[in-house]
Amino acid sequence: MGEMFQTLRNAFRIEDIRKKVLFTLAMILVFRLGTAMPVPAIDTASFTELFSRFGQLGQFLDIISGGAFKSVSILALGISPYINSSIIMQLLTFAIPALERMQKEGEAGQKKIQKITRLVTLGIALVMSTSYALLTQEAASSGMPRFLSLPVVILSFTGGAMFVMWLGELIDQKGIGNGISLIIFTGIVSRLPSYIPLLYSYFQGWRIIGGSIILALLGVVLVVAFFVGMITLVVYVQSAERRIPIQYAKRVVGRKVYGGQGTYLPIKVNQSGVLPVIFAMSLLMVGPTIASLTGSSGKIATWFLTLNQNPLYYLIYAVLILAFVFFYSTISFNPVDIANNLQKNGGYILGIRPGRPTSDFIGKTARRLNWFEALFLMIIVLMPSLFGLITKAEGIWFGGTAVIIMVGVSMDIVNQLEAQLLMRHYKGFLD
């Protein structure tokens, strides 16, 4: 622990790193101030009552926005439009040859894709803002005419979403860490203090039911230990990788000999991150969200509204996670390109012939890791919900999605600081 604080002191002694860290903290402060600014023409109390209709999807949006969604802030949409547009562009890049060629053009191509992503973000933000404004008209403030309040709400939500995207890009350029991920991380962490009194209320309930303060304390310790265990598992799997040994043939160029050294090809265990969970949750929440917003009371609507209380919900959730893990791996991981690049550079896998056998071996290895990745995501996402049902303490959980995001962003920041310090000959966190 002492070496870690020494590393932080060394980081702040370097002017360049100090400026980046302070700039990042300033942008986070701006984001937190923005979450406290309410949208005009909407009654906050009425919107809070309508918030319950959005179900688990609304709760997730509220968590990643740092409470801005429930409090109907101008940043209520948060980074959701940008995340959706980034996912759409990532999928389209593998489906449209023109975008794939653009991606391979280097920095110039990345800038073009980024411009398209911004335009798609604007379109998604307008659609989401219009939907929320129309579905929550009953929460409109009486101090402004209806024909004027609707465009005000739409423009406020849209402008807030584009402002958050701009903050994220500023952090990417002048700060430390990935700006978009850091904003999500800030929104999640900002909710931590609110869970302390909730955990205390559960402690009081357990003491009354169990009739003993020792049993109540044991319940609190069990909850904290479970949460710490989840974080430990996520850290371990996020850092895990399958290393395939690579050998490079010797090449003689003039009087110099190149190659001949051995290295490895790393394949991460959790290749797709949290995206399969987001895909599965979004698809699973479409039915309940539509049913709750329309206020229908039919059999089908009732089944959707009570779906999260049905054991079938967890089975469908697990199957969707498994399907999206393999789907994302298929479109984002290309073993043929990897095999071709190895062959061009004179590299080969020990015991495997170059070309088609190499690509088959890499693809087979990646598919095996996909099974483990899907199992890991199922455990992280479903275990908190099941544990909450057993302990009757559902309200204290962020969910596995939030835990994966928190751990991933923290590790990314640590790695970036490590790189900055090692370039300047300082010891890092891991030394």
Protein backbone atom coordinates (compact mmCIF):
# COMPACT_ATOMS: atom_id res chain seq x y z
CA MET A 1 0.00 0.00 0.00
CA GLY A 2 2.90 2.36 0.81
CA GLU A 3 4.44 1.78 -2.63
CA MET A 4 1.09 2.58 -4.26
CA PHE A 5 0.87 5.98 -2.50
CA GLN A 6 4.52 6.58 -3.38
CA THR A 7 3.62 5.94 -7.01
CA LEU A 8 0.81 8.48 -6.80
CA ARG A 9 3.21 11.02 -5.30
CA ASN A 10 5.67 10.35 -8.12
CA ALA A 11 2.86 10.81 -10.64
CA PHE A 12 1.95 14.21 -9.21
CA ARG A 13 5.59 15.30 -9.32
CA ILE A 14 5.50 14.99 -13.10
CA GLU A 15 3.89 18.11 -14.52
CA ASP A 16 2.42 16.40 -17.59
CA ILE A 17 0.71 13.61 -15.62
CA ARG A 18 -0.42 16.04 -12.92
CA LYS A 19 -2.13 18.24 -15.52
CA LYS A 20 -3.86 15.23 -17.08
CA VAL A 21 -5.12 13.94 -13.74
CA LEU A 22 -6.36 17.37 -12.61
CA PHE A 23 -8.04 17.96 -15.99
CA THR A 24 -9.80 14.59 -15.73
CA LEU A 25 -11.01 15.39 -12.21
CA ALA A 26 -12.26 18.79 -13.41
CA MET A 27 -14.26 17.19 -16.24
CA ILE A 28 -15.75 14.67 -13.80
CA LEU A 29 -16.77 17.57 -11.54
CA VAL A 30 -18.45 19.29 -14.50
CA PHE A 31 -20.35 16.09 -15.26
CA ARG A 32 -21.52 15.76 -11.66
CA LEU A 33 -22.67 19.39 -11.61
CA GLY A 34 -24.59 18.78 -14.83
CA THR A 35 -26.48 15.85 -13.28
CA ALA A 36 -27.89 18.29 -10.70
CA MET A 37 -29.36 20.67 -13.32
CA PRO A 38 -33.07 19.85 -13.93
CA VAL A 39 -34.75 19.92 -17.32
CA PRO A 40 -37.18 22.85 -17.65
CA ALA A 41 -40.86 22.16 -18.36
CA ILE A 42 -40.89 18.83 -16.45
CA ASP A 43 -42.16 18.35 -12.91
CA THR A 44 -39.49 16.33 -11.10
CA ALA A 45 -41.90 14.73 -8.60
CA SER A 46 -44.28 13.55 -11.33
CA PHE A 47 -41.43 12.19 -13.44
CA THR A 48 -40.05 10.27 -10.45
CA GLU A 49 -43.41 8.52 -10.11
CA LEU A 50 -43.32 7.61 -13.81
CA PHE A 51 -39.77 6.33 -13.43
CA SER A 52 -41.02 3.05 -11.95
CA ARG A 53 -42.64 2.19 -15.30
CA PHE A 54 -39.27 1.86 -17.02
CA GLY A 55 -38.44 -1.26 -14.98
CA GLN A 56 -34.91 -2.65 -14.83
CA LEU A 57 -33.91 -0.83 -18.00
CA GLY A 58 -34.70 2.49 -16.32
CA GLN A 59 -32.77 1.45 -13.21
CA PHE A 60 -29.72 0.61 -15.32
CA LEU A 61 -29.94 3.94 -17.18
CA ASP A 62 -30.20 5.71 -13.83
CA ILE A 63 -27.15 3.88 -12.46
CA ILE A 64 -24.83 4.67 -15.38
CA SER A 65 -26.05 8.29 -15.46
CA GLY A 66 -25.29 8.76 -11.77
CA GLY A 67 -28.92 9.33 -10.77
CA ALA A 68 -29.51 11.93 -13.49
CA PHE A 69 -32.23 9.89 -15.19
CA LYS A 70 -34.46 9.55 -12.13
CA SER A 71 -33.96 13.20 -11.14
CA VAL A 72 -34.77 14.26 -14.76
CA SER A 73 -31.52 16.18 -15.23
CA ILE A 74 -30.42 17.66 -18.56
CA LEU A 75 -27.84 14.83 -18.59
CA ALA A 76 -30.54 12.19 -18.03
CA LEU A 77 -29.65 10.31 -21.23
CA GLY A 78 -26.04 10.27 -20.12
CA ILE A 79 -23.72 8.40 -22.41
CA SER A 80 -26.37 5.91 -23.61
CA PRO A 81 -26.80 7.41 -27.13
CA TYR A 82 -23.04 7.39 -27.70
CA ILE A 83 -22.71 3.81 -26.45
CA ASN A 84 -25.50 2.68 -28.77
CA SER A 85 -23.99 4.49 -31.75
CA SER A 86 -20.53 3.06 -31.02
CA ILE A 87 -21.94 -0.46 -30.87
CA ILE A 88 -23.89 0.08 -34.10
CA MET A 89 -20.81 1.44 -35.89
CA GLN A 90 -18.68 -1.41 -34.58
CA LEU A 91 -21.14 -3.95 -35.96
CA LEU A 92 -21.54 -2.11 -39.27
CA THR A 93 -17.77 -1.94 -39.71
CA PHE A 94 -17.68 -5.71 -40.12
CA ALA A 95 -20.82 -5.79 -42.26
CA ILE A 96 -20.11 -2.92 -44.70
CA PRO A 97 -16.88 -3.22 -46.76
CA ALA A 98 -16.59 0.57 -47.19
CA LEU A 99 -16.47 1.11 -43.42
CA GLU A 100 -14.02 -1.78 -43.04
CA ARG A 101 -11.68 -0.18 -45.60
CA MET A 102 -12.08 3.14 -43.83
CA GLN A 103 -11.07 1.54 -40.54
CA LYS A 104 -7.85 0.23 -42.11
CA GLU A 105 -6.85 3.70 -43.38
CA GLY A 106 -5.21 4.53 -40.08
CA GLU A 107 -5.74 7.79 -38.22
CA ALA A 108 -7.51 9.49 -41.15
CA GLY A 109 -10.01 6.64 -41.41
CA GLN A 110 -10.61 6.64 -37.66
CA LYS A 111 -11.43 10.35 -37.78
CA LYS A 112 -14.00 9.74 -40.53
CA ILE A 113 -15.60 6.92 -38.53
CA GLN A 114 -15.64 9.15 -35.45
CA LYS A 115 -17.52 11.86 -37.37
CA ILE A 116 -20.09 9.31 -38.53
CA THR A 117 -20.40 8.04 -34.96
CA ARG A 118 -21.15 11.57 -33.73
CA LEU A 119 -23.90 11.99 -36.33
CA VAL A 120 -25.40 8.62 -35.39
CA THR A 121 -25.22 9.67 -31.72
CA LEU A 122 -27.16 12.84 -32.52
CA GLY A 123 -29.84 10.85 -34.34
CA ILE A 124 -30.19 8.31 -31.51
CA ALA A 125 -30.28 11.11 -28.92
CA LEU A 126 -33.10 12.85 -30.83
CA VAL A 127 -35.09 9.61 -31.06
CA MET A 128 -34.61 8.78 -27.36
CA SER A 129 -35.39 12.36 -26.28
CA THR A 130 -38.56 12.46 -28.37
CA SER A 131 -39.69 9.08 -27.03
CA TYR A 132 -39.16 10.05 -23.40
CA ALA A 133 -40.81 13.44 -23.93
CA LEU A 134 -43.90 11.89 -25.54
CA LEU A 135 -44.20 9.02 -23.05
CA THR A 136 -43.92 11.33 -20.04
CA GLN A 137 -46.17 14.18 -21.12
CA GLU A 138 -48.26 13.75 -17.98
CA ALA A 139 -45.21 14.84 -16.00
CA ALA A 140 -44.99 18.13 -17.91
CA SER A 141 -44.93 21.27 -15.80
CA SER A 142 -48.05 23.43 -15.90
CA GLY A 143 -46.01 26.62 -16.09
CA MET A 144 -45.27 26.26 -19.80
CA PRO A 145 -47.62 25.68 -22.78
CA ARG A 146 -47.62 22.11 -24.15
CA PHE A 147 -46.59 23.15 -27.68
CA LEU A 148 -43.52 24.88 -26.22
CA SER A 149 -42.59 22.41 -23.47
CA LEU A 150 -42.20 19.45 -25.85
CA PRO A 151 -39.40 20.95 -28.01
CA VAL A 152 -37.72 22.36 -24.88
CA VAL A 153 -37.57 18.90 -23.28
CA ILE A 154 -36.35 17.24 -26.50
CA LEU A 155 -33.62 19.81 -27.07
CA SER A 156 -32.55 19.70 -23.40
CA PHE A 157 -32.16 15.91 -23.39
CA THR A 158 -30.42 15.90 -26.79
CA GLY A 159 -28.07 18.75 -25.89
CA GLY A 160 -27.18 17.03 -22.62
CA ALA A 161 -26.31 13.78 -24.42
CA MET A 162 -24.07 15.58 -26.92
CA PHE A 163 -22.42 17.54 -24.08
CA VAL A 164 -21.56 14.31 -22.26
CA MET A 165 -20.09 12.89 -25.48
CA TRP A 166 -17.97 16.04 -25.84
CA LEU A 167 -16.73 15.70 -22.24
CA GLY A 168 -15.71 12.11 -22.93
CA GLU A 169 -13.74 13.10 -26.02
CA LEU A 170 -12.00 15.91 -24.10
CA ILE A 171 -10.88 13.40 -21.45
CA ASP A 172 -9.56 11.13 -24.22
CA GLN A 173 -7.51 13.97 -25.67
CA LYS A 174 -6.24 15.76 -22.57
CA GLY A 175 -6.89 13.47 -19.60
CA ILE A 176 -6.16 10.01 -18.21
CA GLY A 177 -8.20 6.95 -19.17
CA ASN A 178 -11.02 6.39 -21.63
CA GLY A 179 -13.40 9.34 -21.30
CA ILE A 180 -16.66 7.52 -22.03
CA SER A 181 -15.84 4.63 -19.71
CA LEU A 182 -14.72 7.05 -17.01
CA ILE A 183 -18.02 8.94 -17.15
CA ILE A 184 -19.93 5.67 -16.76
CA PHE A 185 -17.60 4.72 -13.90
CA THR A 186 -18.28 8.07 -12.21
CA GLY A 187 -22.02 7.59 -12.51
CA ILE A 188 -21.84 4.13 -10.95
CA VAL A 189 -19.48 5.09 -8.11
CA SER A 190 -21.59 8.15 -7.26
CA ARG A 191 -24.40 5.79 -6.25
CA LEU A 192 -22.30 3.90 -3.69
CA PRO A 193 -22.99 6.19 -0.70
CA SER A 194 -26.76 5.82 -1.17
CA TYR A 195 -26.47 2.07 -0.62
CA ILE A 196 -24.97 2.42 2.86
CA PRO A 197 -28.24 3.47 4.59
CA LEU A 198 -30.08 0.82 2.56
CA LEU A 199 -27.70 -1.86 3.85
CA TYR A 200 -28.22 -0.51 7.38
CA SER A 201 -32.00 -0.82 7.00
CA TYR A 202 -31.54 -4.47 5.95
CA PHE A 203 -29.33 -4.94 9.01
CA GLN A 204 -32.15 -3.64 11.22
CA GLY A 205 -34.64 -5.95 9.52
CA TRP A 206 -32.38 -9.00 9.90
CA ARG A 207 -31.88 -8.18 13.58
CA ILE A 208 -35.65 -8.08 14.17
CA ILE A 209 -36.30 -11.27 12.19
CA GLY A 210 -33.35 -13.22 13.60
CA GLY A 211 -33.70 -11.84 17.09
CA SER A 212 -29.93 -11.46 17.41
CA ILE A 213 -27.51 -8.70 16.49
CA ILE A 214 -24.84 -11.34 15.78
CA LEU A 215 -26.95 -12.92 13.03
CA ALA A 216 -27.63 -9.48 11.56
CA LEU A 217 -23.90 -8.66 11.55
CA LEU A 218 -23.23 -12.03 9.95
CA GLY A 219 -25.68 -11.14 7.18
CA VAL A 220 -23.92 -7.82 6.53
CA VAL A 221 -20.52 -9.52 6.47
CA LEU A 222 -21.86 -12.13 4.05
CA VAL A 223 -23.18 -9.42 1.71
CA VAL A 224 -19.88 -7.49 1.76
CA ALA A 225 -17.84 -10.68 1.30
CA PHE A 226 -20.00 -11.68 -1.67
CA PHE A 227 -19.50 -8.27 -3.27
CA VAL A 228 -15.71 -8.38 -2.70
CA GLY A 229 -15.61 -11.92 -4.09
CA MET A 230 -17.37 -10.75 -7.26
CA ILE A 231 -14.84 -7.94 -7.74
CA THR A 232 -11.95 -10.37 -7.20
CA LEU A 233 -13.35 -12.79 -9.78
CA VAL A 234 -13.85 -10.00 -12.32
CA VAL A 235 -10.29 -8.71 -11.82
CA TYR A 236 -8.88 -12.21 -12.26
CA VAL A 237 -10.84 -12.98 -15.44
CA GLN A 238 -10.31 -9.51 -16.94
CA SER A 239 -6.56 -10.02 -16.61
CA ALA A 240 -6.60 -13.64 -17.84
CA GLU A 241 -5.46 -14.52 -21.33
CA ARG A 242 -4.57 -17.61 -23.35
CA ARG A 243 -1.02 -17.31 -24.66
CA ILE A 244 -0.28 -19.21 -27.86
CA PRO A 245 3.51 -19.63 -28.38
CA ILE A 246 4.79 -18.06 -31.61
CA GLN A 247 8.19 -18.66 -33.21
CA TYR A 248 9.67 -16.39 -35.90
CA ALA A 249 12.00 -17.75 -38.57
CA LYS A 250 15.42 -16.20 -39.04
CA ARG A 251 15.88 -13.83 -41.97
CA VAL A 252 19.17 -12.49 -43.30
CA VAL A 253 18.95 -8.93 -44.66
CA GLY A 254 22.37 -7.71 -45.76
CA ARG A 255 24.72 -8.39 -42.88
CA LYS A 256 22.01 -8.50 -40.23
CA VAL A 257 19.95 -11.45 -39.01
CA TYR A 258 16.34 -10.76 -38.09
CA GLY A 259 13.83 -12.99 -36.29
CA GLY A 260 14.54 -16.25 -34.61
CA GLN A 261 13.02 -15.15 -31.32
CA GLY A 262 10.00 -16.66 -29.61
CA THR A 263 6.96 -14.76 -28.39
CA TYR A 264 3.28 -15.47 -27.85
CA LEU A 265 -0.13 -14.50 -29.23
CA PRO A 266 -2.39 -13.34 -26.34
CA ILE A 267 -6.13 -14.01 -26.58
CA LYS A 268 -8.14 -12.45 -23.76
CA VAL A 269 -10.59 -14.66 -21.92
CA ASN A 270 -13.16 -11.87 -21.71
CA GLN A 271 -12.86 -10.64 -25.29
CA SER A 272 -16.24 -8.92 -25.62
CA GLY A 273 -16.28 -7.24 -22.21
CA VAL A 274 -19.74 -6.23 -21.06
CA LEU A 275 -21.35 -5.90 -24.50
CA PRO A 276 -23.11 -9.32 -24.54
CA VAL A 277 -24.74 -8.46 -21.21
CA ILE A 278 -25.93 -5.08 -22.50
CA PHE A 279 -27.29 -6.68 -25.69
CA ALA A 280 -29.09 -9.41 -23.73
CA MET A 281 -30.53 -7.02 -21.14
CA SER A 282 -31.73 -4.54 -23.77
CA LEU A 283 -33.48 -7.27 -25.75
CA LEU A 284 -34.98 -8.83 -22.63
CA MET A 285 -36.33 -5.50 -21.36
CA VAL A 286 -38.09 -4.46 -24.57
CA GLY A 287 -41.31 -6.32 -23.74
CA PRO A 288 -41.60 -5.23 -20.06
CA THR A 289 -40.74 -1.61 -20.92
CA ILE A 290 -43.39 -1.38 -23.65
CA ALA A 291 -45.97 -3.06 -21.40
CA SER A 292 -45.25 -0.72 -18.48
CA LEU A 293 -45.25 2.45 -20.57
CA THR A 294 -48.52 1.61 -22.36
CA GLY A 295 -50.22 0.73 -19.06
CA SER A 296 -51.75 -2.44 -20.54
CA SER A 297 -53.22 -5.01 -18.12
CA GLY A 298 -53.78 -7.98 -20.45
CA LYS A 299 -52.37 -11.47 -19.94
CA ILE A 300 -49.38 -10.91 -22.23
CA ALA A 301 -48.57 -7.55 -20.65
CA THR A 302 -48.87 -9.03 -17.15
CA TRP A 303 -46.55 -11.89 -18.13
CA PHE A 304 -43.93 -9.41 -19.36
CA LEU A 305 -44.28 -7.19 -16.28
CA THR A 306 -43.73 -10.16 -13.94
CA LEU A 307 -41.07 -11.79 -16.10
CA ASN A 308 -38.21 -10.96 -13.72
CA GLN A 309 -40.01 -12.96 -10.99
CA ASN A 310 -40.21 -16.02 -13.22
CA PRO A 311 -37.37 -18.62 -13.21
CA LEU A 312 -37.68 -18.63 -17.00
CA TYR A 313 -36.29 -15.07 -16.94
CA TYR A 314 -32.88 -16.26 -15.75
CA LEU A 315 -32.82 -19.08 -18.28
CA ILE A 316 -33.61 -16.72 -21.17
CA TYR A 317 -31.05 -14.23 -19.86
CA ALA A 318 -28.33 -16.92 -19.76
CA VAL A 319 -29.15 -18.20 -23.26
CA LEU A 320 -29.07 -14.65 -24.69
CA ILE A 321 -25.69 -13.96 -23.06
CA LEU A 322 -24.30 -17.19 -24.54
CA ALA A 323 -25.65 -16.32 -28.00
CA PHE A 324 -24.30 -12.76 -27.98
CA VAL A 325 -20.85 -13.87 -26.75
CA PHE A 326 -20.43 -16.12 -29.79
CA PHE A 327 -22.06 -13.55 -32.09
CA TYR A 328 -19.72 -10.74 -31.00
CA SER A 329 -16.68 -13.03 -31.20
CA THR A 330 -17.64 -14.05 -34.75
CA ILE A 331 -17.79 -10.47 -36.04
CA SER A 332 -14.88 -8.98 -34.05
CA PHE A 333 -12.28 -11.76 -33.97
CA ASN A 334 -10.89 -12.85 -37.34
CA PRO A 335 -8.43 -15.78 -37.05
CA VAL A 336 -7.78 -15.75 -40.82
CA ASP A 337 -6.31 -12.22 -40.66
CA ILE A 338 -4.18 -13.17 -37.67
CA ALA A 339 -2.86 -16.28 -39.45
CA ASN A 340 -2.09 -14.29 -42.62
CA ASN A 341 -0.22 -11.60 -40.65
CA LEU A 342 1.83 -14.26 -38.89
CA GLN A 343 2.72 -15.90 -42.19
CA LYS A 344 3.72 -12.58 -43.80
CA ASN A 345 6.07 -11.82 -40.90
CA GLY A 346 7.61 -15.29 -40.86
CA GLY A 347 5.86 -16.41 -37.69
CA TYR A 348 4.29 -19.77 -36.96
CA ILE A 349 2.74 -21.67 -34.07
CA LEU A 350 4.89 -24.50 -32.82
CA GLY A 351 3.55 -27.80 -34.16
CA ILE A 352 1.01 -26.10 -36.47
CA ARG A 353 1.53 -25.52 -40.19
CA PRO A 354 1.15 -21.92 -41.46
CA GLY A 355 -1.97 -20.87 -43.36
CA ARG A 356 -5.31 -22.63 -42.97
CA PRO A 357 -4.23 -24.98 -40.11
CA THR A 358 -3.05 -21.96 -38.11
CA SER A 359 -6.32 -20.06 -38.58
CA ASP A 360 -8.30 -23.18 -37.66
CA PHE A 361 -6.24 -23.65 -34.50
CA ILE A 362 -6.64 -20.00 -33.42
CA GLY A 363 -10.38 -20.08 -34.17
CA LYS A 364 -10.84 -23.30 -32.22
CA THR A 365 -8.92 -21.87 -29.25
CA ALA A 366 -11.02 -18.68 -29.30
CA ARG A 367 -14.28 -20.66 -29.40
CA ARG A 368 -13.20 -22.65 -26.36
CA LEU A 369 -12.53 -19.42 -24.51
CA ASN A 370 -15.97 -18.16 -25.56
CA TRP A 371 -17.63 -20.94 -23.54
CA PHE A 372 -15.69 -19.93 -20.44
CA GLU A 373 -16.40 -16.23 -21.09
CA ALA A 374 -20.14 -16.90 -21.40
CA LEU A 375 -20.11 -18.92 -18.17
CA PHE A 376 -18.22 -16.14 -16.40
CA LEU A 377 -20.70 -13.46 -17.57
CA MET A 378 -23.66 -15.62 -16.53
CA ILE A 379 -22.23 -16.04 -13.02
CA ILE A 380 -21.40 -12.36 -12.61
CA VAL A 381 -24.77 -11.15 -13.91
CA LEU A 382 -27.15 -13.74 -12.45
CA MET A 383 -25.56 -14.56 -9.09
CA PRO A 384 -26.22 -11.10 -7.53
CA SER A 385 -29.89 -11.35 -8.47
CA LEU A 386 -30.20 -14.88 -7.11
CA PHE A 387 -28.31 -13.94 -3.96
CA GLY A 388 -30.60 -10.93 -3.53
CA LEU A 389 -33.68 -13.13 -3.84
CA ILE A 390 -32.31 -15.53 -1.21
CA THR A 391 -31.36 -12.80 1.27
CA LYS A 392 -34.40 -10.60 0.40
CA ALA A 393 -31.97 -7.74 -0.23
CA GLU A 394 -32.43 -7.09 -3.94
CA GLY A 395 -32.07 -3.31 -3.70
CA ILE A 396 -28.41 -3.21 -2.71
CA TRP A 397 -27.03 -4.65 -5.94
CA PHE A 398 -25.57 -2.64 -8.77
CA GLY A 399 -25.61 -5.78 -10.88
CA GLY A 400 -22.81 -7.66 -12.56
CA THR A 401 -22.76 -5.23 -15.48
CA ALA A 402 -21.81 -2.34 -13.22
CA VAL A 403 -19.14 -4.42 -11.46
CA ILE A 404 -17.50 -5.37 -14.77
CA ILE A 405 -17.51 -1.72 -15.88
CA MET A 406 -16.05 -0.49 -12.58
CA VAL A 407 -13.25 -3.06 -12.57
CA GLY A 408 -12.47 -2.59 -16.26
CA VAL A 409 -12.18 1.21 -15.99
CA SER A 410 -10.08 1.00 -12.81
CA MET A 411 -7.65 -1.43 -14.44
CA ASP A 412 -7.44 0.75 -17.56
CA ILE A 413 -6.55 3.85 -15.51
CA VAL A 414 -3.93 1.92 -13.52
CA ASN A 415 -2.37 0.56 -16.72
CA GLN A 416 -2.21 4.01 -18.29
CA LEU A 417 -0.56 5.49 -15.20
CA GLU A 418 1.84 2.51 -15.22
CA ALA A 419 2.84 3.27 -18.80
CA GLN A 420 3.30 6.98 -18.10
CA LEU A 421 5.46 6.31 -15.04
CA LEU A 422 7.57 3.60 -16.66
CA MET A 423 8.37 5.94 -19.57
CA ARG A 424 9.83 8.33 -17.01
CA HIS A 425 11.71 5.61 -15.10
CA TYR A 426 9.46 5.58 -12.05
CA LYS A 427 8.21 2.43 -10.39
CA GLY A 428 4.60 1.55 -11.08
CA PHE A 429 1.79 0.05 -8.98
CA LEU A 430 2.78 -3.51 -9.85
CA ASP A 431 6.54 -3.22 -9.08
